N, C-alpha and C. Protein backbone atom coordinates (compact mmCIF):
# COMPACT_ATOMS: atom_id res chain seq x y z
N MET A 1 24.66 27.98 -176.50
CA MET A 1 25.53 27.53 -175.34
C MET A 1 24.39 26.93 -174.42
N ILE A 2 23.17 27.58 -174.22
CA ILE A 2 22.32 27.10 -172.97
C ILE A 2 21.54 25.91 -173.74
N ASP A 3 21.28 25.84 -174.99
CA ASP A 3 20.86 24.85 -175.54
C ASP A 3 21.74 23.53 -175.43
N ALA A 4 22.93 23.52 -175.37
CA ALA A 4 23.83 22.59 -175.11
C ALA A 4 23.71 22.04 -173.76
N LEU A 5 23.52 23.11 -172.79
CA LEU A 5 23.58 22.64 -171.43
C LEU A 5 21.99 21.97 -170.75
N LEU A 6 21.02 22.36 -171.89
CA LEU A 6 19.72 21.89 -171.41
C LEU A 6 19.66 20.42 -172.09
N ALA A 7 20.58 20.14 -173.00
CA ALA A 7 20.21 19.07 -173.99
C ALA A 7 20.11 17.95 -173.16
N GLY A 8 19.10 17.15 -173.08
CA GLY A 8 18.83 15.98 -172.22
C GLY A 8 18.27 16.11 -171.11
N THR A 9 17.86 17.31 -170.71
CA THR A 9 17.39 17.65 -169.29
C THR A 9 15.72 17.76 -169.32
N ASP A 10 15.19 17.10 -168.63
CA ASP A 10 13.85 17.10 -168.68
C ASP A 10 13.35 18.07 -167.80
N LEU A 11 11.81 18.39 -167.88
CA LEU A 11 11.28 19.54 -167.18
C LEU A 11 11.49 19.49 -165.72
N TRP A 12 11.16 18.24 -165.19
CA TRP A 12 11.14 17.78 -163.67
C TRP A 12 12.69 17.91 -163.31
N THR A 13 13.39 17.71 -163.90
CA THR A 13 14.93 17.88 -163.38
C THR A 13 15.24 19.59 -163.30
N LEU A 14 14.97 20.08 -164.28
CA LEU A 14 14.85 21.66 -164.39
C LEU A 14 14.26 22.37 -163.20
N ALA A 15 13.02 21.95 -163.05
CA ALA A 15 12.09 22.53 -161.97
C ALA A 15 12.52 22.12 -160.54
N THR A 16 13.17 21.08 -160.27
CA THR A 16 13.84 20.78 -159.17
C THR A 16 15.02 21.49 -159.00
N LEU A 17 15.83 21.74 -159.81
CA LEU A 17 17.13 22.48 -159.65
C LEU A 17 16.89 23.98 -159.26
N LEU A 18 15.65 24.67 -159.91
CA LEU A 18 15.48 26.06 -159.78
C LEU A 18 14.79 26.01 -158.18
N GLY A 19 13.89 25.08 -157.97
CA GLY A 19 13.44 25.06 -156.64
C GLY A 19 14.48 24.97 -155.50
N LEU A 20 15.46 23.94 -155.70
CA LEU A 20 16.36 24.00 -154.76
C LEU A 20 17.43 25.25 -154.51
N GLY A 21 17.53 25.78 -155.72
CA GLY A 21 18.11 27.20 -155.71
C GLY A 21 17.52 28.14 -154.91
N ALA A 22 16.22 28.21 -155.32
CA ALA A 22 15.30 29.33 -154.65
C ALA A 22 15.29 29.02 -153.26
N VAL A 23 15.08 27.88 -152.76
CA VAL A 23 15.17 27.46 -151.23
C VAL A 23 16.40 27.85 -150.70
N THR A 24 17.45 27.61 -151.35
CA THR A 24 19.03 27.84 -150.84
C THR A 24 18.77 29.56 -150.67
N VAL A 25 18.68 30.29 -151.55
CA VAL A 25 18.67 31.66 -151.75
C VAL A 25 17.90 32.14 -150.52
N LEU A 26 16.53 31.83 -150.45
CA LEU A 26 15.86 32.51 -149.43
C LEU A 26 16.05 31.85 -147.91
N THR A 27 16.69 30.86 -147.65
CA THR A 27 17.09 30.44 -146.27
C THR A 27 18.34 31.16 -145.96
N ARG A 28 19.30 31.45 -147.05
CA ARG A 28 20.51 32.33 -146.73
C ARG A 28 20.26 33.65 -146.44
N CYS A 29 19.35 34.28 -147.30
CA CYS A 29 19.22 35.70 -147.19
C CYS A 29 17.89 35.89 -146.23
N PHE A 30 17.44 35.19 -145.48
CA PHE A 30 16.49 35.16 -144.33
C PHE A 30 16.88 36.21 -143.43
N PHE A 31 17.94 36.34 -143.11
CA PHE A 31 18.52 37.26 -141.75
C PHE A 31 18.48 38.58 -142.43
N PHE A 32 18.83 38.97 -143.70
CA PHE A 32 18.96 39.96 -144.59
C PHE A 32 17.61 40.79 -144.66
N ILE A 33 16.62 39.86 -144.94
CA ILE A 33 15.34 40.33 -145.26
C ILE A 33 14.44 40.98 -144.21
N SER A 34 14.78 40.64 -143.00
CA SER A 34 14.35 41.11 -141.84
C SER A 34 14.55 42.54 -141.46
N SER A 35 13.67 43.50 -141.27
CA SER A 35 13.84 44.88 -140.76
C SER A 35 14.37 45.01 -139.66
N GLN A 36 14.14 44.15 -138.78
CA GLN A 36 14.62 44.05 -137.32
C GLN A 36 15.63 43.34 -136.86
N PRO A 37 16.53 44.00 -135.96
CA PRO A 37 17.78 43.18 -135.80
C PRO A 37 17.35 42.28 -134.57
N TRP A 38 17.98 40.91 -134.64
CA TRP A 38 17.70 39.96 -133.49
C TRP A 38 18.98 39.41 -133.24
N LYS A 39 18.77 38.80 -131.93
CA LYS A 39 19.97 37.98 -131.50
C LYS A 39 19.56 36.66 -131.06
N LEU A 40 20.57 35.53 -131.49
CA LEU A 40 20.24 34.09 -131.04
C LEU A 40 20.39 34.20 -129.61
N PRO A 41 19.19 33.13 -129.13
CA PRO A 41 19.36 32.94 -127.70
C PRO A 41 20.60 32.22 -127.22
N ALA A 42 21.15 32.43 -126.06
CA ALA A 42 22.54 31.78 -125.58
C ALA A 42 22.35 30.57 -125.75
N TRP A 43 21.40 29.66 -125.53
CA TRP A 43 21.61 28.26 -125.62
C TRP A 43 21.83 27.82 -126.97
N VAL A 44 21.32 28.58 -128.23
CA VAL A 44 21.61 28.31 -129.66
C VAL A 44 23.04 28.61 -129.89
N ALA A 45 23.46 29.84 -129.55
CA ALA A 45 24.70 30.26 -129.68
C ALA A 45 25.83 29.15 -129.19
N ARG A 46 25.51 28.83 -127.89
CA ARG A 46 26.30 27.93 -127.18
C ARG A 46 26.54 26.62 -128.08
N GLY A 47 25.35 26.19 -128.42
CA GLY A 47 25.03 24.80 -129.38
C GLY A 47 25.97 25.05 -130.72
N LEU A 48 25.86 26.11 -131.14
CA LEU A 48 26.43 26.26 -132.57
C LEU A 48 28.18 26.30 -132.41
N GLN A 49 28.73 26.31 -131.25
CA GLN A 49 29.86 26.35 -131.02
C GLN A 49 30.53 25.01 -131.34
N TYR A 50 29.52 24.01 -130.96
CA TYR A 50 29.99 22.53 -131.27
C TYR A 50 29.68 21.99 -132.42
N ALA A 51 29.22 22.91 -133.52
CA ALA A 51 28.76 22.27 -134.79
C ALA A 51 29.94 21.82 -135.72
N PRO A 52 31.09 22.65 -135.68
CA PRO A 52 32.28 22.29 -136.47
C PRO A 52 32.75 20.86 -135.92
N VAL A 53 33.09 20.81 -134.45
CA VAL A 53 33.54 19.61 -134.18
C VAL A 53 32.71 18.33 -134.27
N ALA A 54 31.30 18.55 -134.17
CA ALA A 54 30.12 17.44 -134.37
C ALA A 54 30.38 16.98 -135.99
N ALA A 55 30.50 17.96 -136.87
CA ALA A 55 30.56 17.54 -138.22
C ALA A 55 32.03 16.74 -138.57
N LEU A 56 33.12 17.38 -138.02
CA LEU A 56 34.28 16.65 -138.00
C LEU A 56 34.32 15.14 -137.66
N ALA A 57 33.78 15.11 -136.42
CA ALA A 57 33.44 13.76 -135.92
C ALA A 57 32.64 12.82 -136.84
N ALA A 58 31.80 13.39 -137.41
CA ALA A 58 30.88 12.65 -138.29
C ALA A 58 31.50 12.28 -139.42
N VAL A 59 32.34 13.02 -139.94
CA VAL A 59 33.25 12.62 -141.15
C VAL A 59 34.30 11.72 -141.05
N VAL A 60 35.07 11.96 -139.70
CA VAL A 60 36.33 11.30 -139.53
C VAL A 60 35.96 9.95 -138.86
N LEU A 61 35.24 9.92 -137.91
CA LEU A 61 35.08 8.57 -137.04
C LEU A 61 34.58 7.38 -137.99
N PRO A 62 33.52 7.46 -138.85
CA PRO A 62 33.42 6.21 -139.69
C PRO A 62 34.76 5.89 -140.58
N GLU A 63 35.31 6.92 -140.99
CA GLU A 63 36.58 6.36 -141.90
C GLU A 63 37.72 5.69 -140.67
N VAL A 64 37.66 6.08 -139.65
CA VAL A 64 38.55 5.46 -138.86
C VAL A 64 38.16 4.11 -138.30
N VAL A 65 37.01 3.75 -137.80
CA VAL A 65 36.68 2.59 -137.35
C VAL A 65 35.82 1.55 -138.33
N MET A 66 35.70 2.09 -139.70
CA MET A 66 35.03 1.12 -140.50
C MET A 66 35.91 0.87 -141.68
N SER A 67 35.61 -0.26 -142.20
CA SER A 67 36.26 -0.64 -143.66
C SER A 67 35.55 -1.22 -144.58
N GLN A 68 35.24 -0.74 -145.77
CA GLN A 68 34.23 -1.38 -146.50
C GLN A 68 32.80 -1.67 -146.08
N GLY A 69 32.52 -0.71 -145.03
CA GLY A 69 31.25 -0.50 -144.70
C GLY A 69 30.76 -1.65 -143.49
N HIS A 70 32.13 -2.17 -143.00
CA HIS A 70 31.97 -2.74 -141.72
C HIS A 70 32.88 -2.47 -140.80
N LEU A 71 32.86 -2.71 -139.48
CA LEU A 71 33.63 -2.38 -138.24
C LEU A 71 35.13 -3.00 -138.84
N VAL A 72 36.17 -2.49 -138.26
CA VAL A 72 37.46 -2.93 -138.42
C VAL A 72 37.51 -4.26 -137.82
N PRO A 73 38.02 -5.35 -138.32
CA PRO A 73 37.88 -6.57 -137.56
C PRO A 73 39.45 -6.84 -136.70
N THR A 74 40.34 -6.05 -136.99
CA THR A 74 41.43 -6.06 -136.30
C THR A 74 41.96 -5.06 -135.66
N TRP A 75 42.78 -5.10 -134.45
CA TRP A 75 43.33 -4.06 -133.96
C TRP A 75 44.55 -3.57 -134.71
N GLN A 76 44.87 -4.14 -135.70
CA GLN A 76 46.41 -3.97 -136.51
C GLN A 76 46.01 -2.97 -137.57
N ASP A 77 45.42 -1.75 -137.34
CA ASP A 77 44.99 -0.73 -138.37
C ASP A 77 45.43 0.66 -137.91
N ALA A 78 46.22 1.30 -138.98
CA ALA A 78 47.05 2.36 -138.56
C ALA A 78 46.10 3.57 -138.10
N ARG A 79 44.76 3.58 -138.84
CA ARG A 79 43.87 4.62 -138.52
C ARG A 79 43.58 4.70 -137.10
N ILE A 80 43.46 3.72 -136.42
CA ILE A 80 43.16 3.36 -135.12
C ILE A 80 43.99 4.25 -134.13
N PHE A 81 45.34 3.82 -134.20
CA PHE A 81 46.35 4.42 -133.61
C PHE A 81 46.71 5.64 -133.76
N GLY A 82 46.57 6.02 -135.01
CA GLY A 82 46.68 7.42 -135.37
C GLY A 82 45.85 8.39 -134.84
N ALA A 83 44.38 8.01 -134.83
CA ALA A 83 43.24 8.77 -134.23
C ALA A 83 43.60 8.89 -132.76
N ALA A 84 43.99 7.77 -132.21
CA ALA A 84 44.07 7.86 -130.62
C ALA A 84 45.56 8.61 -130.38
N ALA A 85 46.58 8.60 -131.10
CA ALA A 85 47.55 9.54 -130.77
C ALA A 85 47.15 11.00 -131.02
N GLY A 86 46.51 11.42 -131.98
CA GLY A 86 46.19 12.54 -132.15
C GLY A 86 45.01 13.25 -131.25
N THR A 87 44.16 12.25 -130.72
CA THR A 87 43.22 12.70 -129.73
C THR A 87 44.06 13.14 -128.55
N ALA A 88 45.00 12.22 -128.17
CA ALA A 88 45.84 12.44 -126.96
C ALA A 88 46.53 13.71 -126.99
N ALA A 89 47.15 13.94 -128.13
CA ALA A 89 47.82 15.22 -128.42
C ALA A 89 46.99 16.43 -128.32
N TYR A 90 45.78 16.19 -128.92
CA TYR A 90 44.79 17.38 -128.81
C TYR A 90 44.63 17.84 -127.27
N PHE A 91 44.55 16.87 -126.34
CA PHE A 91 44.27 17.25 -125.12
C PHE A 91 45.58 17.66 -124.46
N LEU A 92 46.55 16.79 -124.75
CA LEU A 92 47.82 17.16 -123.90
C LEU A 92 48.65 18.78 -124.33
N ALA A 93 48.17 19.04 -125.58
CA ALA A 93 48.82 20.26 -126.28
C ALA A 93 47.74 21.46 -125.97
N ARG A 94 47.18 21.36 -125.19
CA ARG A 94 46.04 22.54 -124.94
C ARG A 94 45.13 22.81 -126.07
N ARG A 95 44.82 21.78 -126.56
CA ARG A 95 43.57 21.78 -127.81
C ARG A 95 44.39 22.46 -129.01
N SER A 96 45.45 21.90 -129.51
CA SER A 96 46.11 22.54 -130.57
C SER A 96 45.62 21.72 -131.69
N THR A 97 45.19 22.24 -132.69
CA THR A 97 44.80 21.52 -133.90
C THR A 97 46.15 21.07 -134.75
N LEU A 98 47.11 22.17 -134.92
CA LEU A 98 48.22 21.55 -135.55
C LEU A 98 49.01 20.36 -134.73
N ALA A 99 49.12 20.42 -133.38
CA ALA A 99 49.84 19.14 -132.82
C ALA A 99 48.96 17.93 -133.10
N THR A 100 47.42 18.03 -133.11
CA THR A 100 46.64 16.99 -133.35
C THR A 100 47.15 16.41 -134.63
N ILE A 101 47.24 17.09 -135.56
CA ILE A 101 47.47 16.69 -137.15
C ILE A 101 48.84 16.12 -137.36
N VAL A 102 49.63 16.70 -136.59
CA VAL A 102 51.28 16.47 -136.75
C VAL A 102 51.45 15.21 -135.99
N VAL A 103 51.09 14.70 -134.99
CA VAL A 103 51.09 13.65 -134.05
C VAL A 103 50.33 12.54 -134.60
N GLY A 104 49.18 12.62 -135.08
CA GLY A 104 48.55 11.72 -135.57
C GLY A 104 48.87 11.18 -136.93
N MET A 105 49.52 11.86 -137.83
CA MET A 105 49.97 11.74 -138.76
C MET A 105 51.34 11.05 -138.64
N ALA A 106 52.09 11.50 -137.75
CA ALA A 106 53.43 11.02 -137.41
C ALA A 106 53.34 9.48 -136.96
N VAL A 107 52.11 9.02 -136.39
CA VAL A 107 51.97 7.79 -135.75
C VAL A 107 51.36 6.88 -137.06
N TYR A 108 50.40 7.46 -137.85
CA TYR A 108 49.82 6.88 -138.73
C TYR A 108 50.82 6.38 -140.11
N LEU A 109 51.60 7.25 -140.53
CA LEU A 109 52.35 6.95 -141.72
C LEU A 109 53.18 5.95 -141.49
N PRO A 110 54.05 5.96 -140.29
CA PRO A 110 55.11 4.69 -140.06
C PRO A 110 54.21 3.45 -140.11
N LEU A 111 53.12 3.31 -139.55
CA LEU A 111 52.44 2.25 -139.39
C LEU A 111 51.94 1.67 -140.63
N HIS A 112 51.22 2.72 -141.45
CA HIS A 112 50.64 2.29 -142.94
C HIS A 112 51.65 2.01 -143.78
N LEU A 113 52.57 2.95 -144.09
CA LEU A 113 53.55 2.73 -145.13
C LEU A 113 54.56 1.62 -144.83
N GLY A 114 55.07 1.72 -143.29
CA GLY A 114 56.23 0.83 -143.02
C GLY A 114 55.63 -0.55 -142.91
N LEU A 115 54.60 -0.83 -142.03
CA LEU A 115 54.10 -2.02 -141.61
C LEU A 115 52.94 -2.57 -142.69
N GLY A 116 52.53 -1.64 -143.25
CA GLY A 116 51.38 -2.09 -144.09
C GLY A 116 49.98 -2.33 -143.57
N TRP A 117 49.93 -1.60 -142.41
CA TRP A 117 48.49 -1.79 -141.79
C TRP A 117 47.36 -1.01 -142.61
């Protein structure tokens, strides 16, 4: 079975995969290897609170404002209106993620499916 998995794999690829695995295990286990407890500085902990929002924006924003690698050429795009409505709902509904999704999709779907935007 292992022979079938390694068939056609050169030594360089195998060494790269093993190296990436070792680096991943080492960096994830670094906090457990240390014998002394330590605490993150306050500024790091505060900055990490914004990491999920920043990652989500980095994934969603290009999808909303770009099409085929270029900026959306027209305002008649359902994604723009859905994102704007979802953003407004987020702030008006006291930062409710569920309201953001429901309102955003409630605006997006009729425009996309009904008008073909």
